[in-house]
């Protein structure tokens, strides 16, 4: 099992993800400095040319490849060279997936959703009385139990917007109704 490098885990612990507020310039600068010098490459997750053949897993056979292509509704390879290229690509992709799966994630809490779940993020997304004060100020208490009732806003001016007559487009009308012609089947 591989673990995250210390620099990456330190950055993950101290950085705030998925924020909507303006980022602090000092935090941006440190992230830029960290990302300016990569600590590893994706190429390290791909198999070496001599290591491609020596996998501990059962190799993907020609029939298994054809079966996967049929399940995916993809066309079968037309030539042997095309089939060999597909097998090489599939082996490298599987090697990549196995390498990613081998990362030690013990102690890492699973992601429950794609939002900022840090205490700062939760506080930022929480709606409080300050945000609701305008809406609560428009309520009027009424009745014996003093129940709050929302006052209706001013009437919206729809002049010029809703002045059209929908019956103008109908081919047949009967008073203020559309007439839909249908045939009754005689049996």
N, C-alpha and C. Protein backbone atom coordinates (compact mmCIF):
# COMPACT_ATOMS: atom_id res chain seq x y z
N UNK A 1 0.84 -1.18 0.00
CA UNK A 1 0.00 0.00 0.00
C UNK A 1 0.89 1.25 0.00
N UNK A 2 0.55 2.19 -0.88
CA UNK A 2 1.30 3.44 -0.93
C UNK A 2 0.54 4.51 -0.17
N UNK A 3 1.26 5.42 0.46
CA UNK A 3 0.60 6.51 1.16
C UNK A 3 0.83 7.80 0.40
N UNK A 4 0.04 8.81 0.72
CA UNK A 4 0.22 10.11 0.10
C UNK A 4 1.55 10.69 0.55
N UNK A 5 2.20 11.44 -0.34
CA UNK A 5 3.47 12.05 0.06
C UNK A 5 3.19 13.09 1.14
N UNK A 6 4.18 13.38 1.95
CA UNK A 6 3.98 14.26 3.10
C UNK A 6 3.62 15.67 2.66
N UNK A 7 4.19 16.13 1.56
CA UNK A 7 3.89 17.48 1.09
C UNK A 7 2.44 17.58 0.65
N UNK A 8 1.95 16.56 -0.08
CA UNK A 8 0.56 16.57 -0.55
C UNK A 8 -0.41 16.49 0.62
N UNK A 9 -0.14 15.65 1.58
CA UNK A 9 -1.05 15.52 2.72
C UNK A 9 -1.04 16.79 3.56
N UNK A 10 0.11 17.47 3.67
CA UNK A 10 0.17 18.72 4.42
C UNK A 10 -0.64 19.80 3.71
N UNK A 11 -0.53 19.86 2.41
CA UNK A 11 -1.30 20.84 1.64
C UNK A 11 -2.79 20.54 1.76
N UNK A 12 -3.17 19.28 1.69
CA UNK A 12 -4.58 18.90 1.80
C UNK A 12 -5.15 19.26 3.16
N UNK A 13 -4.35 19.10 4.21
CA UNK A 13 -4.83 19.42 5.54
C UNK A 13 -5.04 20.91 5.74
N UNK A 14 -4.17 21.73 5.15
CA UNK A 14 -4.20 23.16 5.43
C UNK A 14 -4.98 23.97 4.41
N UNK A 15 -5.29 23.42 3.27
CA UNK A 15 -6.01 24.18 2.25
C UNK A 15 -7.50 23.95 2.39
N UNK A 16 -8.25 24.94 2.05
CA UNK A 16 -9.70 24.88 2.11
C UNK A 16 -10.22 24.62 0.72
N UNK A 17 -10.94 23.53 0.53
CA UNK A 17 -11.41 23.16 -0.81
C UNK A 17 -12.82 23.67 -1.06
N UNK A 18 -13.16 23.89 -2.33
CA UNK A 18 -14.50 24.24 -2.80
C UNK A 18 -15.05 25.50 -2.13
N UNK A 19 -14.25 26.53 -1.99
CA UNK A 19 -14.72 27.74 -1.35
C UNK A 19 -15.31 28.69 -2.38
N UNK A 20 -16.26 29.50 -1.95
CA UNK A 20 -16.86 30.47 -2.85
C UNK A 20 -16.42 31.89 -2.51
N UNK A 21 -15.82 32.08 -1.37
CA UNK A 21 -15.37 33.42 -1.00
C UNK A 21 -14.07 33.74 -1.72
N UNK A 22 -13.72 35.01 -1.69
CA UNK A 22 -12.49 35.43 -2.35
C UNK A 22 -11.29 34.78 -1.66
N UNK A 23 -10.41 34.23 -2.46
CA UNK A 23 -9.25 33.53 -1.90
C UNK A 23 -8.24 34.55 -1.38
N UNK A 24 -7.56 34.20 -0.33
CA UNK A 24 -6.54 35.08 0.23
C UNK A 24 -5.29 35.00 -0.64
N UNK A 25 -4.67 36.15 -0.95
CA UNK A 25 -3.49 36.12 -1.82
C UNK A 25 -2.34 35.31 -1.24
N UNK A 26 -2.16 35.33 0.09
CA UNK A 26 -1.04 34.58 0.68
C UNK A 26 -1.25 33.08 0.52
N UNK A 27 -2.50 32.61 0.65
CA UNK A 27 -2.78 31.19 0.48
C UNK A 27 -2.57 30.78 -0.97
N UNK A 28 -2.95 31.67 -1.91
CA UNK A 28 -2.74 31.37 -3.32
C UNK A 28 -1.25 31.26 -3.63
N UNK A 29 -0.47 32.12 -3.04
CA UNK A 29 0.96 32.11 -3.32
C UNK A 29 1.59 30.80 -2.84
N UNK A 30 1.20 30.33 -1.67
CA UNK A 30 1.80 29.10 -1.17
C UNK A 30 1.39 27.91 -2.03
N UNK A 31 0.16 27.90 -2.52
CA UNK A 31 -0.28 26.82 -3.40
C UNK A 31 0.51 26.86 -4.70
N UNK A 32 0.72 28.06 -5.23
CA UNK A 32 1.50 28.19 -6.46
C UNK A 32 2.93 27.72 -6.26
N UNK A 33 3.50 28.02 -5.11
CA UNK A 33 4.86 27.56 -4.84
C UNK A 33 4.92 26.05 -4.74
N UNK A 34 3.92 25.46 -4.11
CA UNK A 34 3.89 24.00 -3.96
C UNK A 34 3.74 23.35 -5.33
N UNK A 35 2.86 23.90 -6.15
CA UNK A 35 2.60 23.29 -7.45
C UNK A 35 3.68 23.61 -8.49
N UNK A 36 4.55 24.57 -8.20
CA UNK A 36 5.60 24.93 -9.15
C UNK A 36 6.63 23.81 -9.30
N UNK A 37 6.84 23.04 -8.25
CA UNK A 37 7.81 21.95 -8.30
C UNK A 37 7.08 20.64 -8.02
N UNK A 38 6.78 19.88 -9.06
CA UNK A 38 6.05 18.62 -8.85
C UNK A 38 6.89 17.62 -8.07
N UNK A 39 6.22 16.86 -7.21
CA UNK A 39 6.92 15.86 -6.42
C UNK A 39 6.87 14.48 -7.06
N UNK A 40 5.96 14.30 -8.01
CA UNK A 40 5.86 13.02 -8.71
C UNK A 40 5.19 13.26 -10.06
N UNK A 41 5.18 12.25 -10.87
CA UNK A 41 4.59 12.36 -12.20
C UNK A 41 3.58 11.25 -12.41
N UNK A 42 2.59 11.51 -13.22
CA UNK A 42 1.60 10.49 -13.57
C UNK A 42 2.29 9.35 -14.31
N UNK A 43 3.37 9.65 -14.99
CA UNK A 43 4.10 8.62 -15.73
C UNK A 43 4.61 7.53 -14.79
N UNK A 44 4.80 7.87 -13.51
CA UNK A 44 5.26 6.85 -12.56
C UNK A 44 4.17 5.82 -12.29
N UNK A 45 2.92 6.16 -12.57
CA UNK A 45 1.81 5.23 -12.38
C UNK A 45 1.62 4.30 -13.57
N UNK A 46 2.24 4.62 -14.68
CA UNK A 46 2.13 3.76 -15.87
C UNK A 46 3.20 2.69 -15.81
N UNK A 47 2.93 1.53 -16.39
CA UNK A 47 3.91 0.44 -16.32
C UNK A 47 5.15 0.75 -17.16
N UNK A 48 6.28 0.25 -16.69
CA UNK A 48 7.52 0.37 -17.47
C UNK A 48 7.39 -0.56 -18.67
N UNK A 49 8.16 -0.32 -19.70
CA UNK A 49 8.04 -1.14 -20.92
C UNK A 49 8.39 -2.60 -20.64
N UNK A 50 9.38 -2.86 -19.76
CA UNK A 50 9.74 -4.24 -19.44
C UNK A 50 8.81 -4.83 -18.38
N UNK A 51 8.14 -3.95 -17.61
CA UNK A 51 7.24 -4.40 -16.55
C UNK A 51 5.84 -4.71 -17.06
N UNK A 52 5.53 -4.32 -18.29
CA UNK A 52 4.18 -4.49 -18.83
C UNK A 52 3.80 -5.96 -18.93
N UNK A 53 4.73 -6.81 -19.23
CA UNK A 53 4.42 -8.23 -19.41
C UNK A 53 4.40 -8.99 -18.09
N UNK A 54 5.08 -8.46 -17.06
CA UNK A 54 5.21 -9.21 -15.81
C UNK A 54 4.20 -8.74 -14.77
N UNK A 55 2.93 -8.97 -15.03
CA UNK A 55 1.90 -8.62 -14.06
C UNK A 55 1.48 -9.87 -13.32
N UNK A 56 1.06 -9.68 -12.08
CA UNK A 56 0.64 -10.83 -11.27
C UNK A 56 -0.79 -11.23 -11.61
N UNK A 57 -1.55 -10.31 -12.19
CA UNK A 57 -2.93 -10.61 -12.55
C UNK A 57 -2.95 -11.45 -13.83
N UNK A 58 -4.05 -12.15 -14.03
CA UNK A 58 -4.21 -12.93 -15.25
C UNK A 58 -4.29 -11.98 -16.44
N UNK A 59 -3.57 -12.27 -17.50
CA UNK A 59 -3.58 -11.36 -18.65
C UNK A 59 -4.95 -11.35 -19.33
N UNK A 60 -5.23 -10.24 -19.97
CA UNK A 60 -6.50 -10.12 -20.69
C UNK A 60 -6.32 -10.81 -22.03
N UNK A 61 -7.13 -11.82 -22.25
CA UNK A 61 -7.02 -12.59 -23.49
C UNK A 61 -7.77 -11.89 -24.60
N UNK A 62 -7.55 -12.40 -25.79
CA UNK A 62 -8.20 -11.87 -26.99
C UNK A 62 -9.72 -12.02 -26.87
N UNK A 63 -10.18 -13.17 -26.37
CA UNK A 63 -11.62 -13.40 -26.23
C UNK A 63 -12.23 -12.48 -25.17
N UNK A 64 -11.47 -12.22 -24.09
CA UNK A 64 -11.96 -11.33 -23.05
C UNK A 64 -12.08 -9.90 -23.58
N UNK A 65 -11.11 -9.49 -24.40
CA UNK A 65 -11.16 -8.16 -25.02
C UNK A 65 -12.38 -8.04 -25.93
N UNK A 66 -12.62 -9.06 -26.74
CA UNK A 66 -13.78 -9.04 -27.64
C UNK A 66 -15.08 -9.00 -26.84
N UNK A 67 -15.12 -9.74 -25.73
CA UNK A 67 -16.30 -9.74 -24.87
C UNK A 67 -16.55 -8.34 -24.28
N UNK A 68 -15.48 -7.69 -23.81
CA UNK A 68 -15.61 -6.34 -23.25
C UNK A 68 -16.06 -5.34 -24.31
N UNK A 69 -15.54 -5.49 -25.52
CA UNK A 69 -15.94 -4.59 -26.60
C UNK A 69 -17.41 -4.78 -26.95
N UNK A 70 -17.87 -6.02 -26.96
CA UNK A 70 -19.30 -6.27 -27.25
C UNK A 70 -20.18 -5.70 -26.14
N UNK A 71 -19.76 -5.87 -24.88
CA UNK A 71 -20.53 -5.31 -23.76
C UNK A 71 -20.61 -3.79 -23.84
N UNK A 72 -19.54 -3.18 -24.34
CA UNK A 72 -19.49 -1.72 -24.45
C UNK A 72 -20.11 -1.21 -25.73
N UNK A 73 -20.57 -2.12 -26.58
CA UNK A 73 -21.14 -1.77 -27.89
C UNK A 73 -20.13 -1.03 -28.75
N UNK A 74 -18.87 -1.44 -28.64
CA UNK A 74 -17.80 -0.86 -29.45
C UNK A 74 -17.44 -1.82 -30.56
N UNK A 75 -16.93 -1.30 -31.66
CA UNK A 75 -16.57 -2.19 -32.77
C UNK A 75 -15.34 -3.03 -32.44
N UNK A 76 -15.31 -4.23 -32.97
CA UNK A 76 -14.16 -5.11 -32.78
C UNK A 76 -13.00 -4.59 -33.62
N UNK A 77 -11.76 -4.86 -33.21
CA UNK A 77 -10.62 -4.39 -33.99
C UNK A 77 -10.57 -5.08 -35.35
N UNK A 78 -10.16 -4.32 -36.36
CA UNK A 78 -10.15 -4.85 -37.72
C UNK A 78 -8.86 -5.61 -38.03
N UNK A 79 -7.75 -5.21 -37.40
CA UNK A 79 -6.47 -5.86 -37.69
C UNK A 79 -5.84 -6.35 -36.39
N UNK A 80 -4.83 -7.20 -36.55
CA UNK A 80 -4.09 -7.71 -35.39
C UNK A 80 -3.34 -6.58 -34.69
N UNK A 81 -2.81 -5.64 -35.47
CA UNK A 81 -2.06 -4.52 -34.89
C UNK A 81 -2.98 -3.65 -34.04
N UNK A 82 -4.19 -3.42 -34.53
CA UNK A 82 -5.17 -2.63 -33.78
C UNK A 82 -5.55 -3.34 -32.48
N UNK A 83 -5.70 -4.65 -32.55
CA UNK A 83 -6.03 -5.44 -31.36
C UNK A 83 -4.89 -5.41 -30.35
N UNK A 84 -3.66 -5.52 -30.83
CA UNK A 84 -2.49 -5.47 -29.94
C UNK A 84 -2.39 -4.10 -29.27
N UNK A 85 -2.68 -3.04 -30.02
CA UNK A 85 -2.65 -1.69 -29.44
C UNK A 85 -3.72 -1.54 -28.37
N UNK A 86 -4.92 -2.10 -28.63
CA UNK A 86 -6.00 -2.05 -27.63
C UNK A 86 -5.61 -2.79 -26.36
N UNK A 87 -4.98 -3.96 -26.52
CA UNK A 87 -4.56 -4.75 -25.36
C UNK A 87 -3.49 -4.01 -24.55
N UNK A 88 -2.53 -3.38 -25.24
CA UNK A 88 -1.49 -2.61 -24.55
C UNK A 88 -2.12 -1.45 -23.77
N UNK A 89 -3.04 -0.74 -24.41
CA UNK A 89 -3.71 0.38 -23.75
C UNK A 89 -4.49 -0.09 -22.54
N UNK A 90 -5.22 -1.19 -22.69
CA UNK A 90 -6.01 -1.72 -21.59
C UNK A 90 -5.13 -2.16 -20.43
N UNK A 91 -3.98 -2.79 -20.74
CA UNK A 91 -3.05 -3.21 -19.68
C UNK A 91 -2.50 -2.00 -18.93
N UNK A 92 -2.14 -0.95 -19.67
CA UNK A 92 -1.59 0.24 -18.99
C UNK A 92 -2.67 0.92 -18.14
N UNK A 93 -3.91 0.95 -18.63
CA UNK A 93 -4.99 1.55 -17.85
C UNK A 93 -5.27 0.74 -16.59
N UNK A 94 -5.25 -0.58 -16.70
CA UNK A 94 -5.47 -1.43 -15.53
C UNK A 94 -4.34 -1.27 -14.52
N UNK A 95 -3.11 -1.13 -15.01
CA UNK A 95 -1.97 -0.91 -14.13
C UNK A 95 -2.15 0.41 -13.38
N UNK A 96 -2.59 1.43 -14.09
CA UNK A 96 -2.85 2.74 -13.48
C UNK A 96 -3.92 2.63 -12.39
N UNK A 97 -5.02 1.94 -12.69
CA UNK A 97 -6.11 1.78 -11.72
C UNK A 97 -5.63 1.03 -10.49
N UNK A 98 -4.86 -0.04 -10.69
CA UNK A 98 -4.36 -0.81 -9.54
C UNK A 98 -3.41 0.03 -8.69
N UNK A 99 -2.61 0.87 -9.34
CA UNK A 99 -1.69 1.73 -8.61
C UNK A 99 -2.46 2.76 -7.78
N UNK A 100 -3.51 3.32 -8.34
CA UNK A 100 -4.33 4.28 -7.61
C UNK A 100 -5.05 3.58 -6.46
N UNK A 101 -5.53 2.35 -6.68
CA UNK A 101 -6.21 1.61 -5.63
C UNK A 101 -5.27 1.19 -4.50
N UNK A 102 -3.98 1.15 -4.77
CA UNK A 102 -3.03 0.72 -3.75
C UNK A 102 -2.67 1.83 -2.77
N UNK A 103 -3.17 3.05 -2.96
CA UNK A 103 -2.88 4.15 -2.05
C UNK A 103 -3.53 3.87 -0.70
N UNK A 104 -2.76 4.06 0.37
CA UNK A 104 -3.26 3.82 1.72
C UNK A 104 -4.17 4.97 2.12
N UNK A 105 -5.45 4.69 2.28
CA UNK A 105 -6.42 5.72 2.66
C UNK A 105 -6.92 5.53 4.08
N UNK A 106 -6.20 4.77 4.88
CA UNK A 106 -6.63 4.58 6.27
C UNK A 106 -6.49 5.91 7.00
N UNK A 107 -7.50 6.25 7.76
CA UNK A 107 -7.50 7.51 8.48
C UNK A 107 -8.06 8.67 7.68
N UNK A 108 -8.38 8.45 6.42
CA UNK A 108 -8.95 9.50 5.59
C UNK A 108 -10.46 9.32 5.59
N UNK A 109 -11.17 10.35 6.00
CA UNK A 109 -12.63 10.26 6.05
C UNK A 109 -13.18 10.31 4.62
N UNK A 110 -14.10 9.42 4.28
CA UNK A 110 -14.64 9.41 2.92
C UNK A 110 -15.40 10.70 2.62
N UNK A 111 -15.35 11.11 1.37
CA UNK A 111 -16.04 12.31 0.92
C UNK A 111 -17.53 12.01 0.85
N UNK A 112 -18.32 12.77 1.56
CA UNK A 112 -19.77 12.54 1.57
C UNK A 112 -20.46 13.28 0.45
N UNK A 113 -19.92 14.41 0.04
CA UNK A 113 -20.53 15.19 -1.03
C UNK A 113 -19.49 16.15 -1.59
N UNK A 114 -19.81 16.75 -2.72
CA UNK A 114 -18.90 17.68 -3.36
C UNK A 114 -19.18 19.10 -2.88
N UNK A 115 -18.85 19.36 -1.65
CA UNK A 115 -18.97 20.70 -1.10
C UNK A 115 -17.91 20.84 0.00
N UNK A 116 -17.71 22.05 0.42
CA UNK A 116 -16.72 22.32 1.46
C UNK A 116 -17.30 21.90 2.80
N UNK A 117 -16.76 20.84 3.40
CA UNK A 117 -17.28 20.34 4.66
C UNK A 117 -16.39 20.70 5.84
N UNK A 118 -15.48 21.64 5.64
CA UNK A 118 -14.69 22.12 6.77
C UNK A 118 -15.58 23.00 7.64
N UNK A 119 -15.13 23.31 8.85
CA UNK A 119 -15.95 24.14 9.74
C UNK A 119 -16.18 25.52 9.14
N UNK A 120 -15.17 26.06 8.44
CA UNK A 120 -15.33 27.37 7.80
C UNK A 120 -16.34 27.30 6.67
N UNK A 121 -16.30 26.23 5.89
CA UNK A 121 -17.23 26.07 4.79
C UNK A 121 -18.66 25.90 5.26
N UNK A 122 -18.84 25.15 6.33
CA UNK A 122 -20.19 24.95 6.88
C UNK A 122 -20.71 26.27 7.44
N UNK A 123 -19.84 27.03 8.12
CA UNK A 123 -20.26 28.33 8.67
C UNK A 123 -20.62 29.29 7.54
N UNK A 124 -19.90 29.23 6.43
CA UNK A 124 -20.17 30.11 5.30
C UNK A 124 -21.50 29.76 4.63
N UNK A 125 -21.85 28.49 4.58
CA UNK A 125 -23.08 28.05 3.92
C UNK A 125 -24.30 28.11 4.83
N UNK A 126 -24.11 28.32 6.13
CA UNK A 126 -25.22 28.34 7.08
C UNK A 126 -26.00 29.64 6.92
N UNK A 127 -27.32 29.53 6.87
CA UNK A 127 -28.18 30.70 6.79
C UNK A 127 -28.60 31.07 8.20
N UNK A 128 -28.31 32.29 8.59
CA UNK A 128 -28.60 32.75 9.94
C UNK A 128 -29.69 33.80 9.96
N UNK A 129 -29.93 34.37 11.14
CA UNK A 129 -30.96 35.39 11.29
C UNK A 129 -30.63 36.66 10.52
N UNK A 130 -29.35 36.95 10.36
CA UNK A 130 -28.97 38.16 9.62
C UNK A 130 -29.43 38.08 8.17
N UNK A 131 -29.29 36.91 7.55
CA UNK A 131 -29.73 36.76 6.16
C UNK A 131 -31.25 36.77 6.06
N UNK A 132 -31.94 36.32 7.10
CA UNK A 132 -33.39 36.24 7.07
C UNK A 132 -34.08 37.48 7.64
N UNK A 133 -33.33 38.44 8.17
CA UNK A 133 -33.94 39.59 8.85
C UNK A 133 -34.86 40.38 7.92
N UNK A 134 -34.51 40.54 6.66
CA UNK A 134 -35.36 41.29 5.72
C UNK A 134 -36.69 40.57 5.51
N UNK A 135 -36.65 39.25 5.30
CA UNK A 135 -37.88 38.48 5.09
C UNK A 135 -38.71 38.43 6.36
N UNK A 136 -38.05 38.29 7.52
CA UNK A 136 -38.79 38.25 8.79
C UNK A 136 -39.40 39.60 9.12
N UNK A 137 -38.78 40.68 8.67
CA UNK A 137 -39.31 42.03 8.90
C UNK A 137 -40.60 42.28 8.14
N UNK A 138 -40.86 41.54 7.09
CA UNK A 138 -42.08 41.71 6.30
C UNK A 138 -43.26 40.92 6.85
N UNK A 139 -43.04 40.14 7.91
CA UNK A 139 -44.12 39.34 8.48
C UNK A 139 -44.93 40.17 9.48
N UNK A 140 -46.21 39.85 9.54
CA UNK A 140 -47.12 40.53 10.47
C UNK A 140 -47.74 39.48 11.37
N UNK A 141 -47.80 39.75 12.67
CA UNK A 141 -48.43 38.82 13.60
C UNK A 141 -49.93 39.06 13.59
N UNK A 142 -50.71 37.99 13.52
CA UNK A 142 -52.16 38.15 13.51
C UNK A 142 -52.81 37.02 14.28
N UNK A 143 -54.06 37.26 14.66
CA UNK A 143 -54.84 36.24 15.35
C UNK A 143 -54.54 36.20 16.83
N UNK A 144 -55.32 35.37 17.51
CA UNK A 144 -55.19 35.22 18.96
C UNK A 144 -53.83 34.63 19.35
N UNK A 145 -53.33 33.70 18.54
CA UNK A 145 -52.05 33.03 18.84
C UNK A 145 -50.84 33.80 18.29
N UNK A 146 -51.10 34.94 17.66
CA UNK A 146 -50.03 35.78 17.09
C UNK A 146 -49.17 35.00 16.10
N UNK A 147 -49.85 34.38 15.17
CA UNK A 147 -49.13 33.62 14.14
C UNK A 147 -48.55 34.58 13.11
N UNK A 148 -47.34 34.32 12.66
CA UNK A 148 -46.75 35.21 11.65
C UNK A 148 -47.38 34.95 10.28
N UNK A 149 -47.63 36.04 9.56
CA UNK A 149 -48.18 35.93 8.21
C UNK A 149 -47.35 36.82 7.31
N UNK A 150 -46.96 36.26 6.19
CA UNK A 150 -46.15 37.02 5.24
C UNK A 150 -47.06 37.98 4.48
N UNK A 151 -46.66 39.23 4.42
CA UNK A 151 -47.43 40.21 3.66
C UNK A 151 -47.12 40.03 2.19
N UNK A 152 -48.15 40.14 1.40
CA UNK A 152 -47.96 40.06 -0.04
C UNK A 152 -47.29 41.33 -0.51
N UNK A 153 -46.42 41.17 -1.49
CA UNK A 153 -45.72 42.31 -2.03
C UNK A 153 -46.62 43.14 -2.91
N UNK A 154 -46.10 44.19 -3.47
CA UNK A 154 -46.86 45.04 -4.38
C UNK A 154 -47.25 44.25 -5.61
N UNK A 155 -48.37 44.65 -6.18
CA UNK A 155 -48.85 43.97 -7.38
C UNK A 155 -47.88 44.25 -8.52
N UNK A 156 -47.57 43.22 -9.28
CA UNK A 156 -46.63 43.34 -10.38
C UNK A 156 -47.37 43.92 -11.58
N UNK A 157 -46.75 44.89 -12.24
CA UNK A 157 -47.36 45.51 -13.42
C UNK A 157 -47.13 44.60 -14.62
N UNK A 158 -48.21 44.04 -15.14
CA UNK A 158 -48.11 43.13 -16.29
C UNK A 158 -48.62 43.77 -17.57
N UNK A 159 -48.83 45.07 -17.56
CA UNK A 159 -49.34 45.76 -18.74
C UNK A 159 -48.33 45.66 -19.87
N UNK A 160 -48.78 45.23 -21.01
CA UNK A 160 -47.91 45.08 -22.16
C UNK A 160 -47.27 43.70 -22.25
N UNK A 161 -47.27 42.96 -21.15
CA UNK A 161 -46.65 41.64 -21.14
C UNK A 161 -47.70 40.55 -21.34
N UNK A 162 -48.83 40.70 -20.65
CA UNK A 162 -49.87 39.69 -20.72
C UNK A 162 -51.14 40.22 -21.37
N UNK A 163 -50.98 41.10 -22.35
CA UNK A 163 -52.14 41.66 -23.03
C UNK A 163 -52.57 40.86 -24.25
N UNK A 164 -51.98 39.76 -24.51
CA UNK A 164 -52.29 39.00 -25.72
C UNK A 164 -53.48 38.07 -25.48
N UNK A 165 -54.16 37.75 -26.55
CA UNK A 165 -55.33 36.88 -26.48
C UNK A 165 -54.92 35.51 -27.00
N UNK A 166 -54.88 34.48 -26.17
CA UNK A 166 -54.45 33.16 -26.63
C UNK A 166 -55.41 32.54 -27.64
N UNK A 167 -56.66 32.98 -27.68
CA UNK A 167 -57.62 32.42 -28.63
C UNK A 167 -57.38 32.89 -30.06
N UNK A 168 -56.56 33.93 -30.23
CA UNK A 168 -56.28 34.44 -31.58
C UNK A 168 -55.58 33.39 -32.44
N UNK A 169 -54.79 32.54 -31.83
CA UNK A 169 -54.02 31.55 -32.59
C UNK A 169 -54.82 30.29 -32.89
N UNK A 170 -55.99 30.12 -32.29
CA UNK A 170 -56.79 28.91 -32.48
C UNK A 170 -57.50 28.95 -33.83
N UNK A 171 -57.59 27.80 -34.49
CA UNK A 171 -58.30 27.74 -35.77
C UNK A 171 -59.82 27.73 -35.55
N UNK A 172 -60.28 27.11 -34.46
CA UNK A 172 -61.71 27.09 -34.14
C UNK A 172 -61.90 27.39 -32.66
N UNK A 173 -62.88 28.21 -32.37
CA UNK A 173 -63.21 28.52 -30.98
C UNK A 173 -64.72 28.44 -30.79
N UNK A 174 -65.13 28.24 -29.56
CA UNK A 174 -66.54 28.29 -29.19
C UNK A 174 -66.63 29.17 -27.96
N UNK A 175 -66.93 30.43 -28.17
CA UNK A 175 -66.95 31.38 -27.06
C UNK A 175 -65.53 31.62 -26.57
N UNK A 176 -65.30 31.35 -25.30
CA UNK A 176 -63.96 31.56 -24.74
C UNK A 176 -63.17 30.26 -24.63
N UNK A 177 -63.52 29.24 -25.45
CA UNK A 177 -62.86 27.94 -25.39
C UNK A 177 -62.27 27.56 -26.75
N UNK A 178 -61.19 26.77 -26.71
CA UNK A 178 -60.62 26.16 -27.91
C UNK A 178 -61.51 25.00 -28.32
N UNK A 179 -61.64 24.75 -29.61
CA UNK A 179 -62.36 23.58 -30.09
C UNK A 179 -61.33 22.63 -30.68
N UNK A 180 -61.30 21.42 -30.13
CA UNK A 180 -60.39 20.39 -30.62
C UNK A 180 -61.24 19.39 -31.38
N UNK A 181 -60.91 19.19 -32.65
CA UNK A 181 -61.69 18.29 -33.47
C UNK A 181 -61.13 16.88 -33.34
N UNK A 182 -61.99 15.95 -33.04
CA UNK A 182 -61.56 14.56 -32.96
C UNK A 182 -62.61 13.70 -33.63
N UNK A 183 -62.18 12.58 -34.14
CA UNK A 183 -63.10 11.66 -34.82
C UNK A 183 -63.39 10.51 -33.89
N UNK A 184 -64.65 10.13 -33.87
CA UNK A 184 -65.03 8.95 -33.11
C UNK A 184 -65.08 7.79 -34.07
N UNK A 185 -64.37 6.76 -33.74
CA UNK A 185 -64.34 5.57 -34.59
C UNK A 185 -65.68 4.86 -34.50
N UNK A 186 -66.24 4.54 -35.65
CA UNK A 186 -67.49 3.78 -35.67
C UNK A 186 -67.16 2.31 -35.76
N UNK A 187 -67.74 1.50 -34.87
CA UNK A 187 -67.46 0.08 -34.93
C UNK A 187 -68.70 -0.73 -35.14
